[in-house]
Amino acid sequence: MPPSLAQGLAPAPAFLSIIQHNCLASWNVFLSLFESFKEASTYLSIVLLQDPPVNKAHLPSFNGFKSFFPLVRNPRVAAYVHMSFLSNYTVLPRFKGVDDVLALDISSNESLFGTAFH
């Protein structure tokens, strides 16, 4: 089992793990999704959300993840990147000027998962 998010950072991943999920703008769906990660055998590197919940122009946070989203009142997409991944790799969000497009540039001074990735 992975270390608890409260216990600190997990080791660097041996592979890149990404999940995409539609939250249907629901805080309950968001919380249920992220709570389910605690039972996973490895942590997810990146969580990509469609229709994340928004309250007063704020998206939810979750311990152990940093969020990236377009800076608009009601973003339609968001990315949550695990802090352990961020401790080993640089992640820069790229916004296309709309609320439903988000790209992530991932780079490292070292090879990423056995191959150069920039």
PDB file of N, CA and C in Angstrom:
ATOM      1  N   MET A   1       0.845  -1.179   0.000  1.00  0.00           N
ATOM      2  CA  MET A   1       0.000   0.000   0.000  1.00  0.00           C
ATOM      3  C   MET A   1       0.892   1.245   0.000  1.00  0.00           C
ATOM      4  N   PRO A   2       0.453   2.320  -0.666  1.00  0.00           N
ATOM      5  CA  PRO A   2       1.250   3.539  -0.678  1.00  0.00           C
ATOM      6  C   PRO A   2       1.204   4.201   0.679  1.00  0.00           C
ATOM      7  N   PRO A   3       2.214   5.021   0.983  1.00  0.00           N
ATOM      8  CA  PRO A   3       2.159   5.735   2.244  1.00  0.00           C
ATOM      9  C   PRO A   3       0.966   6.677   2.241  1.00  0.00           C
ATOM     10  N   SER A   4       0.426   6.919   3.408  1.00  0.00           N
ATOM     11  CA  SER A   4      -0.690   7.849   3.520  1.00  0.00           C
ATOM     12  C   SER A   4      -0.261   9.219   3.017  1.00  0.00           C
ATOM     13  N   LEU A   5      -1.184   9.926   2.416  1.00  0.00           N
ATOM     14  CA  LEU A   5      -0.869  11.274   1.951  1.00  0.00           C
ATOM     15  C   LEU A   5      -0.417  12.147   3.115  1.00  0.00           C
ATOM     16  N   ALA A   6      -0.943  11.887   4.294  1.00  0.00           N
ATOM     17  CA  ALA A   6      -0.564  12.677   5.460  1.00  0.00           C
ATOM     18  C   ALA A   6       0.843  12.332   5.950  1.00  0.00           C
ATOM     19  N   GLN A   7       1.366  11.173   5.587  1.00  0.00           N
ATOM     20  CA  GLN A   7       2.681  10.747   6.045  1.00  0.00           C
ATOM     21  C   GLN A   7       3.809  11.375   5.240  1.00  0.00           C
ATOM     22  N   GLY A   8       3.505  12.024   4.158  1.00  0.00           N
ATOM     23  CA  GLY A   8       4.554  12.642   3.368  1.00  0.00           C
ATOM     24  C   GLY A   8       4.552  12.146   1.948  1.00  0.00           C
ATOM     25  N   LEU A   9       5.632  12.427   1.265  1.00  0.00           N
ATOM     26  CA  LEU A   9       5.723  12.130  -0.152  1.00  0.00           C
ATOM     27  C   LEU A   9       6.086  10.679  -0.410  1.00  0.00           C
ATOM     28  N   ALA A  10       5.462  10.125  -1.416  1.00  0.00           N
ATOM     29  CA  ALA A  10       5.776   8.767  -1.836  1.00  0.00           C
ATOM     30  C   ALA A  10       7.028   8.798  -2.691  1.00  0.00           C
ATOM     31  N   PRO A  11       7.678   7.669  -2.909  1.00  0.00           N
ATOM     32  CA  PRO A  11       8.845   7.654  -3.790  1.00  0.00           C
ATOM     33  C   PRO A  11       8.440   7.981  -5.222  1.00  0.00           C
ATOM     34  N   ALA A  12       9.420   8.378  -6.004  1.00  0.00           N
ATOM     35  CA  ALA A  12       9.160   8.695  -7.415  1.00  0.00           C
ATOM     36  C   ALA A  12       8.547   7.479  -8.097  1.00  0.00           C
ATOM     37  N   PRO A  13       7.600   7.703  -9.000  1.00  0.00           N
ATOM     38  CA  PRO A  13       6.928   6.570  -9.631  1.00  0.00           C
ATOM     39  C   PRO A  13       7.832   5.842 -10.605  1.00  0.00           C
ATOM     40  N   ALA A  14       7.562   4.545 -10.784  1.00  0.00           N
ATOM     41  CA  ALA A  14       8.282   3.756 -11.776  1.00  0.00           C
ATOM     42  C   ALA A  14       7.623   3.921 -13.145  1.00  0.00           C
ATOM     43  N   PHE A  15       6.417   4.481 -13.159  1.00  0.00           N
ATOM     44  CA  PHE A  15       5.700   4.734 -14.391  1.00  0.00           C
ATOM     45  C   PHE A  15       4.770   5.912 -14.172  1.00  0.00           C
ATOM     46  N   LEU A  16       4.351   6.513 -15.243  1.00  0.00           N
ATOM     47  CA  LEU A  16       3.434   7.639 -15.190  1.00  0.00           C
ATOM     48  C   LEU A  16       2.011   7.103 -15.121  1.00  0.00           C
ATOM     49  N   SER A  17       1.272   7.505 -14.108  1.00  0.00           N
ATOM     50  CA  SER A  17      -0.113   7.066 -13.971  1.00  0.00           C
ATOM     51  C   SER A  17      -1.028   8.284 -14.040  1.00  0.00           C
ATOM     52  N   ILE A  18      -1.983   8.216 -14.962  1.00  0.00           N
ATOM     53  CA  ILE A  18      -2.908   9.323 -15.191  1.00  0.00           C
ATOM     54  C   ILE A  18      -4.324   8.768 -15.194  1.00  0.00           C
ATOM     55  N   ILE A  19      -5.228   9.514 -14.566  1.00  0.00           N
ATOM     56  CA  ILE A  19      -6.639   9.162 -14.624  1.00  0.00           C
ATOM     57  C   ILE A  19      -7.401  10.396 -15.075  1.00  0.00           C
ATOM     58  N   GLN A  20      -8.443  10.168 -15.882  1.00  0.00           N
ATOM     59  CA  GLN A  20      -9.331  11.244 -16.316  1.00  0.00           C
ATOM     60  C   GLN A  20     -10.714  10.913 -15.791  1.00  0.00           C
ATOM     61  N   HIS A  21     -11.400  11.946 -15.275  1.00  0.00           N
ATOM     62  CA  HIS A  21     -12.719  11.693 -14.694  1.00  0.00           C
ATOM     63  C   HIS A  21     -13.602  12.918 -14.867  1.00  0.00           C
ATOM     64  N   ASN A  22     -14.890  12.692 -15.114  1.00  0.00           N
ATOM     65  CA  ASN A  22     -15.862  13.781 -15.174  1.00  0.00           C
ATOM     66  C   ASN A  22     -16.503  13.896 -13.802  1.00  0.00           C
ATOM     67  N   CYS A  23     -16.309  15.035 -13.156  1.00  0.00           N
ATOM     68  CA  CYS A  23     -16.857  15.242 -11.811  1.00  0.00           C
ATOM     69  C   CYS A  23     -18.305  15.719 -11.828  1.00  0.00           C
ATOM     70  N   LEU A  24     -18.825  16.039 -13.010  1.00  0.00           N
ATOM     71  CA  LEU A  24     -20.212  16.488 -13.121  1.00  0.00           C
ATOM     72  C   LEU A  24     -20.480  17.715 -12.240  1.00  0.00           C
ATOM     73  N   ALA A  25     -19.432  18.518 -11.994  1.00  0.00           N
ATOM     74  CA  ALA A  25     -19.510  19.718 -11.154  1.00  0.00           C
ATOM     75  C   ALA A  25     -19.959  19.413  -9.725  1.00  0.00           C
ATOM     76  N   SER A  26     -19.728  18.202  -9.270  1.00  0.00           N
ATOM     77  CA  SER A  26     -20.193  17.757  -7.957  1.00  0.00           C
ATOM     78  C   SER A  26     -19.035  17.631  -6.969  1.00  0.00           C
ATOM     79  N   TRP A  27     -19.165  18.290  -5.820  1.00  0.00           N
ATOM     80  CA  TRP A  27     -18.160  18.165  -4.764  1.00  0.00           C
ATOM     81  C   TRP A  27     -18.134  16.737  -4.236  1.00  0.00           C
ATOM     82  N   ASN A  28     -19.292  16.088  -4.158  1.00  0.00           N
ATOM     83  CA  ASN A  28     -19.340  14.704  -3.674  1.00  0.00           C
ATOM     84  C   ASN A  28     -18.609  13.755  -4.613  1.00  0.00           C
ATOM     85  N   VAL A  29     -18.767  13.948  -5.913  1.00  0.00           N
ATOM     86  CA  VAL A  29     -18.051  13.109  -6.883  1.00  0.00           C
ATOM     87  C   VAL A  29     -16.556  13.342  -6.748  1.00  0.00           C
ATOM     88  N   PHE A  30     -16.147  14.603  -6.627  1.00  0.00           N
ATOM     89  CA  PHE A  30     -14.727  14.934  -6.456  1.00  0.00           C
ATOM     90  C   PHE A  30     -14.161  14.253  -5.217  1.00  0.00           C
ATOM     91  N   LEU A  31     -14.823  14.425  -4.077  1.00  0.00           N
ATOM     92  CA  LEU A  31     -14.323  13.838  -2.828  1.00  0.00           C
ATOM     93  C   LEU A  31     -14.301  12.315  -2.877  1.00  0.00           C
ATOM     94  N   SER A  32     -15.319  11.716  -3.457  1.00  0.00           N
ATOM     95  CA  SER A  32     -15.358  10.266  -3.576  1.00  0.00           C
ATOM     96  C   SER A  32     -14.191   9.759  -4.422  1.00  0.00           C
ATOM     97  N   LEU A  33     -13.933  10.441  -5.542  1.00  0.00           N
ATOM     98  CA  LEU A  33     -12.821  10.060  -6.411  1.00  0.00           C
ATOM     99  C   LEU A  33     -11.495  10.126  -5.666  1.00  0.00           C
ATOM    100  N   PHE A  34     -11.221  11.260  -5.026  1.00  0.00           N
ATOM    101  CA  PHE A  34      -9.927  11.421  -4.364  1.00  0.00           C
ATOM    102  C   PHE A  34      -9.794  10.535  -3.125  1.00  0.00           C
ATOM    103  N   GLU A  35     -10.866  10.304  -2.415  1.00  0.00           N
ATOM    104  CA  GLU A  35     -10.809   9.390  -1.273  1.00  0.00           C
ATOM    105  C   GLU A  35     -10.496   7.965  -1.733  1.00  0.00           C
ATOM    106  N   SER A  36     -10.959   7.604  -2.935  1.00  0.00           N
ATOM    107  CA  SER A  36     -10.702   6.249  -3.443  1.00  0.00           C
ATOM    108  C   SER A  36      -9.218   6.029  -3.717  1.00  0.00           C
ATOM    109  N   PHE A  37      -8.464   7.089  -3.929  1.00  0.00           N
ATOM    110  CA  PHE A  37      -7.027   6.949  -4.190  1.00  0.00           C
ATOM    111  C   PHE A  37      -6.278   6.421  -2.971  1.00  0.00           C
ATOM    112  N   LYS A  38      -6.816   6.635  -1.796  1.00  0.00           N
ATOM    113  CA  LYS A  38      -6.157   6.151  -0.579  1.00  0.00           C
ATOM    114  C   LYS A  38      -6.069   4.627  -0.543  1.00  0.00           C
ATOM    115  N   GLU A  39      -6.937   3.946  -1.273  1.00  0.00           N
ATOM    116  CA  GLU A  39      -6.956   2.488  -1.320  1.00  0.00           C
ATOM    117  C   GLU A  39      -6.109   1.925  -2.452  1.00  0.00           C
ATOM    118  N   ALA A  40      -5.555   2.789  -3.291  1.00  0.00           N
ATOM    119  CA  ALA A  40      -4.789   2.331  -4.455  1.00  0.00           C
ATOM    120  C   ALA A  40      -3.463   1.724  -4.033  1.00  0.00           C
ATOM    121  N   SER A  41      -2.948   0.819  -4.849  1.00  0.00           N
ATOM    122  CA  SER A  41      -1.671   0.181  -4.545  1.00  0.00           C
ATOM    123  C   SER A  41      -0.492   1.073  -4.940  1.00  0.00           C
ATOM    124  N   THR A  42      -0.729   2.097  -5.725  1.00  0.00           N
ATOM    125  CA  THR A  42       0.285   3.087  -6.076  1.00  0.00           C
ATOM    126  C   THR A  42      -0.423   4.422  -6.229  1.00  0.00           C
ATOM    127  N   TYR A  43       0.296   5.493  -6.064  1.00  0.00           N
ATOM    128  CA  TYR A  43      -0.375   6.791  -6.191  1.00  0.00           C
ATOM    129  C   TYR A  43      -0.501   7.178  -7.653  1.00  0.00           C
ATOM    130  N   LEU A  44      -1.481   7.980  -7.929  1.00  0.00           N
ATOM    131  CA  LEU A  44      -1.674   8.516  -9.270  1.00  0.00           C
ATOM    132  C   LEU A  44      -0.799   9.740  -9.436  1.00  0.00           C
ATOM    133  N   SER A  45      -0.108   9.833 -10.550  1.00  0.00           N
ATOM    134  CA  SER A  45       0.751  10.989 -10.808  1.00  0.00           C
ATOM    135  C   SER A  45      -0.082  12.217 -11.133  1.00  0.00           C
ATOM    136  N   ILE A  46      -1.070  12.029 -12.021  1.00  0.00           N
ATOM    137  CA  ILE A  46      -1.861  13.155 -12.506  1.00  0.00           C
ATOM    138  C   ILE A  46      -3.326  12.744 -12.590  1.00  0.00           C
ATOM    139  N   VAL A  47      -4.195  13.622 -12.098  1.00  0.00           N
ATOM    140  CA  VAL A  47      -5.636  13.431 -12.202  1.00  0.00           C
ATOM    141  C   VAL A  47      -6.170  14.567 -13.065  1.00  0.00           C
ATOM    142  N   LEU A  48      -6.785  14.215 -14.183  1.00  0.00           N
ATOM    143  CA  LEU A  48      -7.363  15.203 -15.103  1.00  0.00           C
ATOM    144  C   LEU A  48      -8.870  15.200 -14.919  1.00  0.00           C
ATOM    145  N   LEU A  49      -9.438  16.366 -14.639  1.00  0.00           N
ATOM    146  CA  LEU A  49     -10.864  16.453 -14.370  1.00  0.00           C
ATOM    147  C   LEU A  49     -11.600  17.263 -15.426  1.00  0.00           C
ATOM    148  N   GLN A  50     -12.734  16.738 -15.794  1.00  0.00           N
ATOM    149  CA  GLN A  50     -13.685  17.461 -16.628  1.00  0.00           C
ATOM    150  C   GLN A  50     -14.804  17.913 -15.695  1.00  0.00           C
ATOM    151  N   ASP A  51     -15.282  19.128 -15.877  1.00  0.00           N
ATOM    152  CA  ASP A  51     -16.341  19.710 -15.050  1.00  0.00           C
ATOM    153  C   ASP A  51     -16.070  19.553 -13.556  1.00  0.00           C
ATOM    154  N   PRO A  52     -14.938  20.111 -13.077  1.00  0.00           N
ATOM    155  CA  PRO A  52     -14.660  20.051 -11.638  1.00  0.00           C
ATOM    156  C   PRO A  52     -15.664  20.917 -10.878  1.00  0.00           C
ATOM    157  N   PRO A  53     -15.884  20.631  -9.609  1.00  0.00           N
ATOM    158  CA  PRO A  53     -16.794  21.471  -8.832  1.00  0.00           C
ATOM    159  C   PRO A  53     -16.165  22.840  -8.574  1.00  0.00           C
ATOM    160  N   VAL A  54     -16.972  23.875  -8.647  1.00  0.00           N
ATOM    161  CA  VAL A  54     -16.502  25.240  -8.430  1.00  0.00           C
ATOM    162  C   VAL A  54     -17.467  25.912  -7.463  1.00  0.00           C
ATOM    163  N   ASN A  55     -16.920  26.592  -6.463  1.00  0.00           N
ATOM    164  CA  ASN A  55     -17.734  27.350  -5.520  1.00  0.00           C
ATOM    165  C   ASN A  55     -17.101  28.719  -5.344  1.00  0.00           C
ATOM    166  N   LYS A  56     -17.814  29.761  -5.740  1.00  0.00           N
ATOM    167  CA  LYS A  56     -17.308  31.133  -5.642  1.00  0.00           C
ATOM    168  C   LYS A  56     -15.949  31.265  -6.320  1.00  0.00           C
ATOM    169  N   ALA A  57     -15.844  30.711  -7.517  1.00  0.00           N
ATOM    170  CA  ALA A  57     -14.639  30.756  -8.355  1.00  0.00           C
ATOM    171  C   ALA A  57     -13.450  30.014  -7.746  1.00  0.00           C
ATOM    172  N   HIS A  58     -13.697  29.087  -6.814  1.00  0.00           N
ATOM    173  CA  HIS A  58     -12.637  28.282  -6.205  1.00  0.00           C
ATOM    174  C   HIS A  58     -12.907  26.806  -6.441  1.00  0.00           C
ATOM    175  N   LEU A  59     -11.848  26.086  -6.763  1.00  0.00           N
ATOM    176  CA  LEU A  59     -11.935  24.635  -6.893  1.00  0.00           C
ATOM    177  C   LEU A  59     -11.481  23.994  -5.587  1.00  0.00           C
ATOM    178  N   PRO A  60     -11.916  22.761  -5.339  1.00  0.00           N
ATOM    179  CA  PRO A  60     -11.488  22.097  -4.103  1.00  0.00           C
ATOM    180  C   PRO A  60     -10.007  21.737  -4.149  1.00  0.00           C
ATOM    181  N   SER A  61      -9.439  21.578  -2.979  1.00  0.00           N
ATOM    182  CA  SER A  61      -8.064  21.094  -2.879  1.00  0.00           C
ATOM    183  C   SER A  61      -8.121  19.715  -2.231  1.00  0.00           C
ATOM    184  N   PHE A  62      -7.029  18.972  -2.375  1.00  0.00           N
ATOM    185  CA  PHE A  62      -6.938  17.678  -1.729  1.00  0.00           C
ATOM    186  C   PHE A  62      -5.502  17.476  -1.289  1.00  0.00           C
ATOM    187  N   ASN A  63      -5.319  17.037  -0.073  1.00  0.00           N
ATOM    188  CA  ASN A  63      -3.997  16.858   0.513  1.00  0.00           C
ATOM    189  C   ASN A  63      -3.127  15.962  -0.370  1.00  0.00           C
ATOM    190  N   GLY A  64      -1.913  16.439  -0.667  1.00  0.00           N
ATOM    191  CA  GLY A  64      -0.974  15.656  -1.462  1.00  0.00           C
ATOM    192  C   GLY A  64      -0.988  15.989  -2.938  1.00  0.00           C
ATOM    193  N   PHE A  65      -1.904  16.868  -3.370  1.00  0.00           N
ATOM    194  CA  PHE A  65      -2.010  17.247  -4.776  1.00  0.00           C
ATOM    195  C   PHE A  65      -1.980  18.758  -4.940  1.00  0.00           C
ATOM    196  N   LYS A  66      -1.395  19.199  -6.037  1.00  0.00           N
ATOM    197  CA  LYS A  66      -1.434  20.607  -6.430  1.00  0.00           C
ATOM    198  C   LYS A  66      -2.337  20.710  -7.649  1.00  0.00           C
ATOM    199  N   SER A  67      -3.204  21.715  -7.650  1.00  0.00           N
ATOM    200  CA  SER A  67      -4.144  21.850  -8.759  1.00  0.00           C
ATOM    201  C   SER A  67      -3.700  22.915  -9.750  1.00  0.00           C
ATOM    202  N   PHE A  68      -4.056  22.685 -10.995  1.00  0.00           N
ATOM    203  CA  PHE A  68      -3.838  23.625 -12.093  1.00  0.00           C
ATOM    204  C   PHE A  68      -5.157  23.726 -12.849  1.00  0.00           C
ATOM    205  N   PHE A  69      -5.578  24.944 -13.175  1.00  0.00           N
ATOM    206  CA  PHE A  69      -6.820  25.133 -13.913  1.00  0.00           C
ATOM    207  C   PHE A  69      -6.812  26.506 -14.564  1.00  0.00           C
ATOM    208  N   PRO A  70      -7.592  26.682 -15.639  1.00  0.00           N
ATOM    209  CA  PRO A  70      -7.656  27.987 -16.287  1.00  0.00           C
ATOM    210  C   PRO A  70      -8.190  29.034 -15.305  1.00  0.00           C
ATOM    211  N   LEU A  71      -7.648  30.208 -15.371  1.00  0.00           N
ATOM    212  CA  LEU A  71      -8.042  31.275 -14.450  1.00  0.00           C
ATOM    213  C   LEU A  71      -9.269  32.014 -14.986  1.00  0.00           C
ATOM    214  N   VAL A  72     -10.382  31.308 -14.956  1.00  0.00           N
ATOM    215  CA  VAL A  72     -11.672  31.861 -15.332  1.00  0.00           C
ATOM    216  C   VAL A  72     -12.651  31.565 -14.193  1.00  0.00           C
ATOM    217  N   ARG A  73     -13.784  32.227 -14.207  1.00  0.00           N
ATOM    218  CA  ARG A  73     -14.741  32.070 -13.091  1.00  0.00           C
ATOM    219  C   ARG A  73     -15.223  30.622 -12.920  1.00  0.00           C
ATOM    220  N   ASN A  74     -15.505  29.948 -13.996  1.00  0.00           N
ATOM    221  CA  ASN A  74     -15.997  28.566 -13.931  1.00  0.00           C
ATOM    222  C   ASN A  74     -15.199  27.667 -14.869  1.00  0.00           C
ATOM    223  N   PRO A  75     -13.991  27.277 -14.471  1.00  0.00           N
ATOM    224  CA  PRO A  75     -13.194  26.403 -15.343  1.00  0.00           C
ATOM    225  C   PRO A  75     -13.887  25.065 -15.574  1.00  0.00           C
ATOM    226  N   ARG A  76     -13.780  24.570 -16.778  1.00  0.00           N
ATOM    227  CA  ARG A  76     -14.406  23.297 -17.146  1.00  0.00           C
ATOM    228  C   ARG A  76     -13.425  22.146 -17.083  1.00  0.00           C
ATOM    229  N   VAL A  77     -12.132  22.444 -16.853  1.00  0.00           N
ATOM    230  CA  VAL A  77     -11.104  21.417 -16.743  1.00  0.00           C
ATOM    231  C   VAL A  77     -10.155  21.783 -15.604  1.00  0.00           C
ATOM    232  N   ALA A  78      -9.518  20.756 -15.070  1.00  0.00           N
ATOM    233  CA  ALA A  78      -8.500  20.967 -14.035  1.00  0.00           C
ATOM    234  C   ALA A  78      -7.567  19.768 -14.030  1.00  0.00           C
ATOM    235  N   ALA A  79      -6.350  20.004 -13.586  1.00  0.00           N
ATOM    236  CA  ALA A  79      -5.380  18.918 -13.407  1.00  0.00           C
ATOM    237  C   ALA A  79      -4.891  18.973 -11.973  1.00  0.00           C
ATOM    238  N   TYR A  80      -4.836  17.820 -11.342  1.00  0.00           N
ATOM    239  CA  TYR A  80      -4.296  17.690  -9.989  1.00  0.00           C
ATOM    240  C   TYR A  80      -3.061  16.798 -10.102  1.00  0.00           C
ATOM    241  N   VAL A  81      -1.920  17.339  -9.694  1.00  0.00           N
ATOM    242  CA  VAL A  81      -0.655  16.619  -9.829  1.00  0.00           C
ATOM    243  C   VAL A  81      -0.150  16.275  -8.431  1.00  0.00           C
ATOM    244  N   HIS A  82       0.212  15.014  -8.243  1.00  0.00           N
ATOM    245  CA  HIS A  82       0.682  14.547  -6.937  1.00  0.00           C
ATOM    246  C   HIS A  82       1.980  15.254  -6.567  1.00  0.00           C
ATOM    247  N   MET A  83       2.103  15.644  -5.317  1.00  0.00           N
ATOM    248  CA  MET A  83       3.281  16.381  -4.849  1.00  0.00           C
ATOM    249  C   MET A  83       4.562  15.567  -5.021  1.00  0.00           C
ATOM    250  N   SER A  84       4.493  14.255  -4.911  1.00  0.00           N
ATOM    251  CA  SER A  84       5.691  13.435  -5.133  1.00  0.00           C
ATOM    252  C   SER A  84       6.159  13.538  -6.569  1.00  0.00           C
ATOM    253  N   PHE A  85       5.229  13.609  -7.489  1.00  0.00           N
ATOM    254  CA  PHE A  85       5.582  13.770  -8.896  1.00  0.00           C
ATOM    255  C   PHE A  85       6.231  15.143  -9.086  1.00  0.00           C
ATOM    256  N   LEU A  86       5.667  16.166  -8.458  1.00  0.00           N
ATOM    257  CA  LEU A  86       6.211  17.524  -8.578  1.00  0.00           C
ATOM    258  C   LEU A  86       7.583  17.661  -7.923  1.00  0.00           C
ATOM    259  N   SER A  87       7.898  16.787  -6.988  1.00  0.00           N
ATOM    260  CA  SER A  87       9.220  16.863  -6.357  1.00  0.00           C
ATOM    261  C   SER A  87      10.308  16.313  -7.276  1.00  0.00           C
ATOM    262  N   ASN A  88       9.909  15.579  -8.312  1.00  0.00           N
ATOM    263  CA  ASN A  88      10.870  14.986  -9.242  1.00  0.00           C
ATOM    264  C   ASN A  88      10.822  15.569 -10.653  1.00  0.00           C
ATOM    265  N   TYR A  89       9.705  16.187 -11.008  1.00  0.00           N
ATOM    266  CA  TYR A  89       9.501  16.685 -12.364  1.00  0.00           C
ATOM    267  C   TYR A  89       8.899  18.085 -12.326  1.00  0.00           C
ATOM    268  N   THR A  90       9.188  18.851 -13.357  1.00  0.00           N
ATOM    269  CA  THR A  90       8.609  20.177 -13.493  1.00  0.00           C
ATOM    270  C   THR A  90       7.352  20.064 -14.339  1.00  0.00           C
ATOM    271  N   VAL A  91       6.268  20.611 -13.834  1.00  0.00           N
ATOM    272  CA  VAL A  91       4.993  20.593 -14.547  1.00  0.00           C
ATOM    273  C   VAL A  91       4.547  22.035 -14.728  1.00  0.00           C
ATOM    274  N   LEU A  92       4.389  22.429 -15.985  1.00  0.00           N
ATOM    275  CA  LEU A  92       3.930  23.777 -16.301  1.00  0.00           C
ATOM    276  C   LEU A  92       2.605  23.693 -17.047  1.00  0.00           C
ATOM    277  N   PRO A  93       1.567  24.316 -16.492  1.00  0.00           N
ATOM    278  CA  PRO A  93       0.285  24.307 -17.201  1.00  0.00           C
ATOM    279  C   PRO A  93       0.323  25.272 -18.378  1.00  0.00           C
ATOM    280  N   ARG A  94      -0.364  24.905 -19.427  1.00  0.00           N
ATOM    281  CA  ARG A  94      -0.500  25.747 -20.622  1.00  0.00           C
ATOM    282  C   ARG A  94      -1.986  25.923 -20.876  1.00  0.00           C
ATOM    283  N   PHE A  95      -2.425  27.163 -20.841  1.00  0.00           N
ATOM    284  CA  PHE A  95      -3.828  27.462 -21.056  1.00  0.00           C
ATOM    285  C   PHE A  95      -4.000  28.082 -22.433  1.00  0.00           C
ATOM    286  N   LYS A  96      -5.054  27.732 -23.085  1.00  0.00           N
ATOM    287  CA  LYS A  96      -5.301  28.192 -24.450  1.00  0.00           C
ATOM    288  C   LYS A  96      -6.264  29.371 -24.488  1.00  0.00           C
ATOM    289  N   GLY A  97      -6.513  30.033 -23.343  1.00  0.00           N
ATOM    290  CA  GLY A  97      -7.389  31.191 -23.309  1.00  0.00           C
ATOM    291  C   GLY A  97      -8.873  30.859 -23.263  1.00  0.00           C
ATOM    292  N   VAL A  98      -9.186  29.597 -23.044  1.00  0.00           N
ATOM    293  CA  VAL A  98     -10.578  29.184 -22.903  1.00  0.00           C
ATOM    294  C   VAL A  98     -10.710  28.354 -21.635  1.00  0.00           C
ATOM    295  N   ASP A  99     -11.936  28.149 -21.201  1.00  0.00           N
ATOM    296  CA  ASP A  99     -12.133  27.458 -19.926  1.00  0.00           C
ATOM    297  C   ASP A  99     -12.165  25.939 -20.034  1.00  0.00           C
ATOM    298  N   ASP A 100     -12.032  25.385 -21.249  1.00  0.00           N
ATOM    299  CA  ASP A 100     -12.153  23.939 -21.370  1.00  0.00           C
ATOM    300  C   ASP A 100     -10.946  23.264 -22.026  1.00  0.00           C
ATOM    301  N   VAL A 101      -9.802  23.952 -22.047  1.00  0.00           N
ATOM    302  CA  VAL A 101      -8.579  23.364 -22.603  1.00  0.00           C
ATOM    303  C   VAL A 101      -7.425  23.616 -21.635  1.00  0.00           C
ATOM    304  N   LEU A 102      -6.700  22.559 -21.324  1.00  0.00           N
ATOM    305  CA  LEU A 102      -5.547  22.639 -20.429  1.00  0.00           C
ATOM    306  C   LEU A 102      -4.516  21.632 -20.911  1.00  0.00           C
ATOM    307  N   ALA A 103      -3.294  22.081 -21.085  1.00  0.00           N
ATOM    308  CA  ALA A 103      -2.185  21.196 -21.439  1.00  0.00           C
ATOM    309  C   ALA A 103      -1.142  21.285 -20.343  1.00  0.00           C
ATOM    310  N   LEU A 104      -0.404  20.205 -20.140  1.00  0.00           N
ATOM    311  CA  LEU A 104       0.673  20.183 -19.155  1.00  0.00           C
ATOM    312  C   LEU A 104       1.982  19.866 -19.862  1.00  0.00           C
ATOM    313  N   ASP A 105       2.983  20.726 -19.655  1.00  0.00           N
ATOM    314  CA  ASP A 105       4.337  20.440 -20.112  1.00  0.00           C
ATOM    315  C   ASP A 105       5.078  19.818 -18.939  1.00  0.00           C
ATOM    316  N   ILE A 106       5.605  18.619 -19.131  1.00  0.00           N
ATOM    317  CA  ILE A 106       6.322  17.907 -18.073  1.00  0.00           C
ATOM    318  C   ILE A 106       7.766  17.756 -18.510  1.00  0.00           C
ATOM    319  N   SER A 107       8.683  18.158 -17.634  1.00  0.00           N
ATOM    320  CA  SER A 107      10.098  18.034 -17.973  1.00  0.00           C
ATOM    321  C   SER A 107      10.905  17.671 -16.730  1.00  0.00           C
ATOM    322  N   SER A 108      12.125  17.238 -17.003  1.00  0.00           N
ATOM    323  CA  SER A 108      13.040  16.844 -15.946  1.00  0.00           C
ATOM    324  C   SER A 108      14.454  16.980 -16.472  1.00  0.00           C
ATOM    325  N   ASN A 109      15.392  17.202 -15.587  1.00  0.00           N
ATOM    326  CA  ASN A 109      16.799  17.214 -15.986  1.00  0.00           C
ATOM    327  C   ASN A 109      17.295  15.804 -16.263  1.00  0.00           C
ATOM    328  N   GLU A 110      16.585  14.831 -15.742  1.00  0.00           N
ATOM    329  CA  GLU A 110      16.953  13.435 -15.946  1.00  0.00           C
ATOM    330  C   GLU A 110      15.941  12.800 -16.881  1.00  0.00           C
ATOM    331  N   SER A 111      16.167  11.557 -17.256  1.00  0.00           N
ATOM    332  CA  SER A 111      15.215  10.889 -18.133  1.00  0.00           C
ATOM    333  C   SER A 111      13.942  10.602 -17.354  1.00  0.00           C
ATOM    334  N   LEU A 112      12.841  10.625 -18.050  1.00  0.00           N
ATOM    335  CA  LEU A 112      11.546  10.355 -17.463  1.00  0.00           C
ATOM    336  C   LEU A 112      11.131   8.945 -17.829  1.00  0.00           C
ATOM    337  N   PHE A 113      11.077   8.058 -16.838  1.00  0.00           N
ATOM    338  CA  PHE A 113      10.654   6.687 -17.051  1.00  0.00           C
ATOM    339  C   PHE A 113      11.488   5.991 -18.100  1.00  0.00           C
ATOM    340  N   GLY A 114      12.793   6.258 -18.103  1.00  0.00           N
ATOM    341  CA  GLY A 114      13.704   5.547 -18.978  1.00  0.00           C
ATOM    342  C   GLY A 114      13.914   6.188 -20.335  1.00  0.00           C
ATOM    343  N   THR A 115      13.190   7.242 -20.668  1.00  0.00           N
ATOM    344  CA  THR A 115      13.375   7.931 -21.927  1.00  0.00           C
ATOM    345  C   THR A 115      13.389   9.431 -21.705  1.00  0.00           C
ATOM    346  N   ALA A 116      14.108  10.134 -22.520  1.00  0.00           N
ATOM    347  CA  ALA A 116      14.127  11.595 -22.406  1.00  0.00           C
ATOM    348  C   ALA A 116      12.745  12.119 -22.772  1.00  0.00           C
ATOM    349  N   PHE A 117      12.253  13.057 -22.003  1.00  0.00           N
ATOM    350  CA  PHE A 117      10.903  13.571 -22.189  1.00  0.00           C
ATOM    351  C   PHE A 117      10.907  15.049 -21.884  1.00  0.00           C
ATOM    352  N   HIS A 118      10.755  15.869 -22.891  1.00  0.00           N
ATOM    353  CA  HIS A 118      10.694  17.328 -22.676  1.00  0.00           C
ATOM    354  C   HIS A 118       9.615  17.910 -23.541  1.00  0.00           C
TER     355      HIS A 118
END
